[in-house]
Amino acid sequence: MSHKKEIELFGMRVNDLSVNEVVALTQIKSKAVEFQYIVTPNVDHLIRFHEDIQFREFYENASHVVNDSRILKLAAKIFTKRDICVAPGSDITKVILEVSKLNERRICIVGCEDSVVTAISDKYNLNNVKHVYPPFGFENKQEEFDDVIDSVEEFMPEYTFLCIGSPKQELLAQELKKRGKISGVGLCVGASLLFLSGDEVRAPLWMQRLSLEWLFRLIQSPKRLAKRYLIVGPKVIPIFLGLKGFK
């Protein structure tokens, strides 16, 4: 595992890498003998990292942890005097699909509707894609969980895009690594493919640059995201201030 630019940020190990550096890394790891996965923390993940010991294990077993959040970048500058990179999972996914020549590579997409996978395959001329769509609550039913794992392993993908939300995608990535039956690289990238297919819209660049992408998403989906941003989100403040340790 490469430790290039590894730092500690609010108690979390982070690899301070740009989007292009992460993309180059995935091109190497897609040919690796052992499966490795990359996680992309945001504020919500940082809170969960401090509160959930199992979630910390997911992150500790990841080959790389790359900052997804401009809020974390801003907080790092204010509270630690570090100017760190931002490598959003959406940007990483977009650049991988644009520059990595994946036309004939074995790609597995876990999550998303069939229409999204079709749109992505057509848009980026992907000819060797397997779509695995886990049933709701699969992570709590061992037989269904094993079926999802088996479906991925049978295909032996070189790139595995895990798009089922956190912490389910990290749980799945860790299990794939522990079982050791596949190679290549896994990317825990949430809604990234939805943005690329046009099913969801990202915030305008000016809002992204002002660290207001969360506000744009909240306005788009208030019922779904109000709790995350307005109730859970403020829990990050004592973490930034160094007043909250691990549970």
Protein backbone atom coordinates (compact mmCIF):
# COMPACT_ATOMS: atom_id res chain seq x y z
CA MET A 1 0.00 0.00 0.00
CA SER A 2 1.31 3.41 -0.95
CA HIS A 3 1.52 5.94 1.86
CA LYS A 4 2.26 8.89 -0.38
CA LYS A 5 1.21 12.16 1.25
CA GLU A 6 -0.42 10.39 4.16
CA ILE A 7 -1.50 12.77 6.92
CA GLU A 8 -3.73 12.65 9.98
CA LEU A 9 -6.80 14.86 9.73
CA PHE A 10 -9.11 15.17 12.73
CA GLY A 11 -8.09 11.70 13.89
CA MET A 12 -8.49 10.10 10.45
CA ARG A 13 -5.74 8.83 8.16
CA VAL A 14 -6.01 10.70 4.86
CA ASN A 15 -3.98 10.45 1.65
CA ASP A 16 -3.60 14.02 0.44
CA LEU A 17 -4.00 13.39 -3.27
CA SER A 18 -5.48 15.35 -6.17
CA VAL A 19 -8.12 13.95 -8.51
CA ASN A 20 -5.53 13.20 -11.20
CA GLU A 21 -3.25 11.46 -8.70
CA VAL A 22 -6.12 9.25 -7.53
CA VAL A 23 -7.06 8.41 -11.13
CA ALA A 24 -3.46 7.42 -11.89
CA LEU A 25 -3.49 5.29 -8.75
CA THR A 26 -6.64 3.45 -9.83
CA GLN A 27 -5.09 2.68 -13.20
CA ILE A 28 -2.28 0.88 -11.39
CA LYS A 29 -4.49 -0.82 -8.82
CA SER A 30 -6.94 -2.06 -11.45
CA LYS A 31 -4.19 -4.50 -12.43
CA ALA A 32 -3.24 -5.43 -8.87
CA VAL A 33 -3.30 -9.06 -7.78
CA GLU A 34 -5.13 -8.28 -4.53
CA PHE A 35 -8.37 -6.30 -4.37
CA GLN A 36 -7.94 -2.86 -2.82
CA TYR A 37 -10.51 -0.15 -2.26
CA ILE A 38 -10.58 3.62 -2.00
CA VAL A 39 -12.92 5.62 0.23
CA THR A 40 -13.85 9.28 -0.14
CA PRO A 41 -14.76 10.84 3.22
CA ASN A 42 -16.99 13.87 3.70
CA VAL A 43 -18.27 15.52 6.89
CA ASP A 44 -20.90 12.82 7.43
CA HIS A 45 -18.24 10.11 7.15
CA LEU A 46 -15.92 11.91 9.59
CA ILE A 47 -18.69 12.00 12.19
CA ARG A 48 -19.44 8.31 11.63
CA PHE A 49 -15.71 7.55 11.82
CA HIS A 50 -15.65 9.03 15.34
CA GLU A 51 -18.88 7.40 16.49
CA ASP A 52 -18.85 3.92 14.93
CA ILE A 53 -16.03 1.47 15.59
CA GLN A 54 -17.08 -0.76 12.67
CA PHE A 55 -16.96 2.18 10.28
CA ARG A 56 -13.43 3.00 11.49
CA GLU A 57 -12.46 -0.56 10.57
CA PHE A 58 -13.78 -0.01 7.03
CA TYR A 59 -11.52 3.01 6.70
CA GLU A 60 -8.51 1.36 8.28
CA ASN A 61 -8.75 -1.47 5.73
CA ALA A 62 -9.01 0.89 2.76
CA SER A 63 -5.84 1.25 0.70
CA HIS A 64 -6.43 4.98 0.35
CA VAL A 65 -8.62 7.59 2.01
CA VAL A 66 -9.01 10.72 -0.13
CA ASN A 67 -10.82 13.89 0.88
CA ASP A 68 -14.17 14.36 -0.88
CA SER A 69 -15.19 17.53 0.94
CA ARG A 70 -14.48 21.23 0.53
CA ILE A 71 -15.82 21.70 4.06
CA LEU A 72 -13.05 19.42 5.35
CA LYS A 73 -10.53 21.35 3.25
CA LEU A 74 -11.72 24.62 4.78
CA ALA A 75 -11.71 23.18 8.30
CA ALA A 76 -8.19 21.79 7.79
CA LYS A 77 -6.98 25.23 6.80
CA ILE A 78 -8.64 26.94 9.77
CA PHE A 79 -7.91 24.44 12.51
CA THR A 80 -4.71 22.69 11.39
CA LYS A 81 -3.14 25.30 9.07
CA ARG A 82 -2.94 22.66 6.32
CA ASP A 83 -3.92 23.30 2.72
CA ILE A 84 -5.12 19.87 1.61
CA CYS A 85 -6.42 18.58 -1.71
CA VAL A 86 -10.07 17.97 -2.54
CA ALA A 87 -10.74 14.90 -4.69
CA PRO A 88 -14.52 14.46 -4.85
CA GLY A 89 -15.68 10.96 -5.70
CA SER A 90 -17.83 12.43 -8.48
CA ASP A 91 -14.81 14.05 -10.11
CA ILE A 92 -12.65 10.96 -9.68
CA THR A 93 -15.32 8.79 -11.32
CA LYS A 94 -15.80 11.22 -14.20
CA VAL A 95 -12.09 11.44 -15.00
CA ILE A 96 -11.60 7.66 -14.72
CA LEU A 97 -14.37 7.09 -17.25
CA GLU A 98 -13.02 9.79 -19.56
CA VAL A 99 -9.31 8.97 -19.62
CA SER A 100 -8.71 5.39 -18.47
CA LYS A 101 -9.71 3.61 -21.72
CA LEU A 102 -12.19 1.27 -20.08
CA ASN A 103 -13.96 0.19 -23.29
CA GLU A 104 -13.11 -3.49 -22.91
CA ARG A 105 -12.11 -3.56 -19.25
CA ARG A 106 -14.26 -5.59 -16.86
CA ILE A 107 -16.35 -3.11 -14.88
CA CYS A 108 -18.83 -3.96 -12.15
CA ILE A 109 -21.35 -1.37 -10.98
CA VAL A 110 -23.04 -2.13 -7.67
CA GLY A 111 -26.20 -0.07 -7.17
CA CYS A 112 -28.03 2.40 -9.45
CA GLU A 113 -31.03 1.65 -11.65
CA ASP A 114 -30.63 -0.21 -14.96
CA SER A 115 -31.31 3.03 -16.84
CA VAL A 116 -28.35 4.71 -15.13
CA VAL A 117 -25.98 1.86 -15.97
CA THR A 118 -27.18 1.87 -19.58
CA ALA A 119 -26.71 5.64 -19.84
CA ILE A 120 -23.18 5.44 -18.40
CA SER A 121 -22.23 2.51 -20.65
CA ASP A 122 -23.46 4.35 -23.75
CA LYS A 123 -21.93 7.69 -22.77
CA TYR A 124 -18.45 6.26 -22.14
CA ASN A 125 -18.55 3.39 -24.66
CA LEU A 126 -18.22 0.67 -22.01
CA ASN A 127 -18.62 -2.78 -23.53
CA ASN A 128 -17.97 -5.14 -20.61
CA VAL A 129 -20.13 -4.05 -17.69
CA LYS A 130 -21.87 -6.15 -15.06
CA HIS A 131 -24.64 -4.53 -13.04
CA VAL A 132 -25.38 -5.81 -9.54
CA TYR A 133 -28.45 -4.31 -7.90
CA PRO A 134 -28.66 -5.27 -4.20
CA PRO A 135 -32.15 -5.65 -2.73
CA PHE A 136 -33.21 -3.18 -0.04
CA GLY A 137 -31.81 -4.17 3.35
CA PHE A 138 -29.43 -6.75 1.89
CA GLU A 139 -26.74 -5.76 4.38
CA ASN A 140 -28.89 -7.15 7.21
CA LYS A 141 -29.69 -10.49 5.56
CA GLN A 142 -26.71 -12.81 5.30
CA GLU A 143 -28.00 -14.80 2.33
CA GLU A 144 -28.74 -11.69 0.28
CA PHE A 145 -25.43 -10.11 1.30
CA ASP A 146 -23.56 -13.24 0.21
CA ASP A 147 -25.45 -13.28 -3.10
CA VAL A 148 -24.27 -9.74 -3.84
CA ILE A 149 -20.68 -10.63 -3.00
CA ASP A 150 -20.86 -13.78 -5.13
CA SER A 151 -22.25 -11.83 -8.10
CA VAL A 152 -19.30 -9.43 -8.00
CA GLU A 153 -16.73 -12.19 -7.53
CA GLU A 154 -18.09 -14.28 -10.42
CA PHE A 155 -17.36 -11.44 -12.83
CA MET A 156 -13.79 -10.83 -11.60
CA PRO A 157 -13.95 -7.08 -12.33
CA GLU A 158 -10.93 -4.85 -12.76
CA TYR A 159 -12.91 -1.79 -11.63
CA THR A 160 -15.74 -2.06 -9.10
CA PHE A 161 -17.86 1.07 -8.60
CA LEU A 162 -19.74 0.78 -5.31
CA CYS A 163 -22.68 3.17 -5.54
CA ILE A 164 -25.00 2.15 -2.71
CA GLY A 165 -24.30 4.85 -0.15
CA SER A 166 -22.33 4.84 3.06
CA PRO A 167 -21.78 2.74 5.12
CA LYS A 168 -23.13 -0.10 2.94
CA GLN A 169 -20.60 0.43 0.15
CA GLU A 170 -17.66 0.41 2.58
CA LEU A 171 -19.01 -2.73 4.26
CA LEU A 172 -19.20 -4.45 0.88
CA ALA A 173 -15.73 -3.28 -0.12
CA GLN A 174 -14.19 -4.58 3.07
CA GLU A 175 -15.88 -7.97 2.68
CA LEU A 176 -14.63 -8.27 -0.91
CA LYS A 177 -11.13 -7.55 0.33
CA LYS A 178 -11.36 -9.98 3.25
CA ARG A 179 -12.58 -12.84 1.06
CA GLY A 180 -9.65 -12.28 -1.28
CA LYS A 181 -11.23 -13.86 -4.37
CA ILE A 182 -11.00 -10.88 -6.74
CA SER A 183 -8.34 -8.44 -7.82
CA GLY A 184 -8.51 -4.90 -9.15
CA VAL A 185 -9.74 -1.74 -7.49
CA GLY A 186 -12.97 -0.77 -5.76
CA LEU A 187 -14.23 2.79 -5.47
CA CYS A 188 -16.81 3.83 -2.88
CA VAL A 189 -18.37 6.72 -4.78
CA GLY A 190 -22.01 7.02 -3.71
CA ALA A 191 -24.14 9.03 -6.14
CA SER A 192 -21.33 9.79 -8.59
CA LEU A 193 -22.84 7.87 -11.50
CA LEU A 194 -26.20 9.59 -10.98
CA PHE A 195 -24.54 12.93 -11.65
CA LEU A 196 -22.83 11.62 -14.77
CA SER A 197 -26.02 10.05 -16.14
CA GLY A 198 -27.97 13.26 -15.54
CA ASP A 199 -30.36 11.65 -13.03
CA GLU A 200 -29.12 14.09 -10.39
CA VAL A 201 -27.62 17.55 -10.81
CA ARG A 202 -24.47 18.76 -9.07
CA ALA A 203 -24.23 22.21 -7.59
CA PRO A 204 -23.00 25.01 -9.88
CA LEU A 205 -19.24 25.50 -9.77
CA TRP A 206 -19.55 28.77 -7.86
CA MET A 207 -21.40 26.96 -5.06
CA GLN A 208 -18.85 24.15 -5.05
CA ARG A 209 -16.01 26.67 -4.76
CA LEU A 210 -17.77 28.40 -1.85
CA SER A 211 -18.18 25.03 -0.05
CA LEU A 212 -21.97 25.24 -0.49
CA GLU A 213 -22.61 22.04 -2.42
CA TRP A 214 -24.30 20.65 0.69
CA LEU A 215 -26.80 23.52 0.61
CA PHE A 216 -27.62 22.87 -3.05
CA ARG A 217 -28.27 19.20 -2.32
CA LEU A 218 -30.37 20.09 0.73
CA ILE A 219 -32.56 22.39 -1.37
CA GLN A 220 -32.96 19.62 -3.97
CA SER A 221 -33.84 16.87 -1.47
CA PRO A 222 -34.92 18.45 1.83
CA LYS A 223 -36.80 15.44 3.20
CA ARG A 224 -33.95 13.03 2.50
CA LEU A 225 -31.06 15.25 3.57
CA ALA A 226 -32.40 17.56 6.29
CA LYS A 227 -31.42 15.21 9.11
CA ARG A 228 -27.93 14.64 7.69
CA TYR A 229 -27.07 18.29 7.19
CA LEU A 230 -29.07 20.07 9.91
CA ILE A 231 -29.10 17.59 12.80
CA VAL A 232 -26.16 15.22 12.33
CA GLY A 233 -23.86 17.68 10.52
CA PRO A 234 -23.26 20.08 13.46
CA LYS A 235 -21.75 17.17 15.42
CA VAL A 236 -18.60 17.78 13.43
CA ILE A 237 -17.90 21.07 15.21
CA PRO A 238 -16.48 19.54 18.42
CA ILE A 239 -14.43 17.18 16.23
CA PHE A 240 -12.92 20.18 14.44
CA LEU A 241 -12.24 21.80 17.84
CA GLY A 242 -10.59 18.67 19.18
CA LEU A 243 -13.24 18.30 21.90
CA LYS A 244 -14.63 14.94 20.81
CA GLY A 245 -12.75 11.65 20.84
CA PHE A 246 -13.69 8.20 19.57
CA LYS A 247 -16.56 6.15 20.94
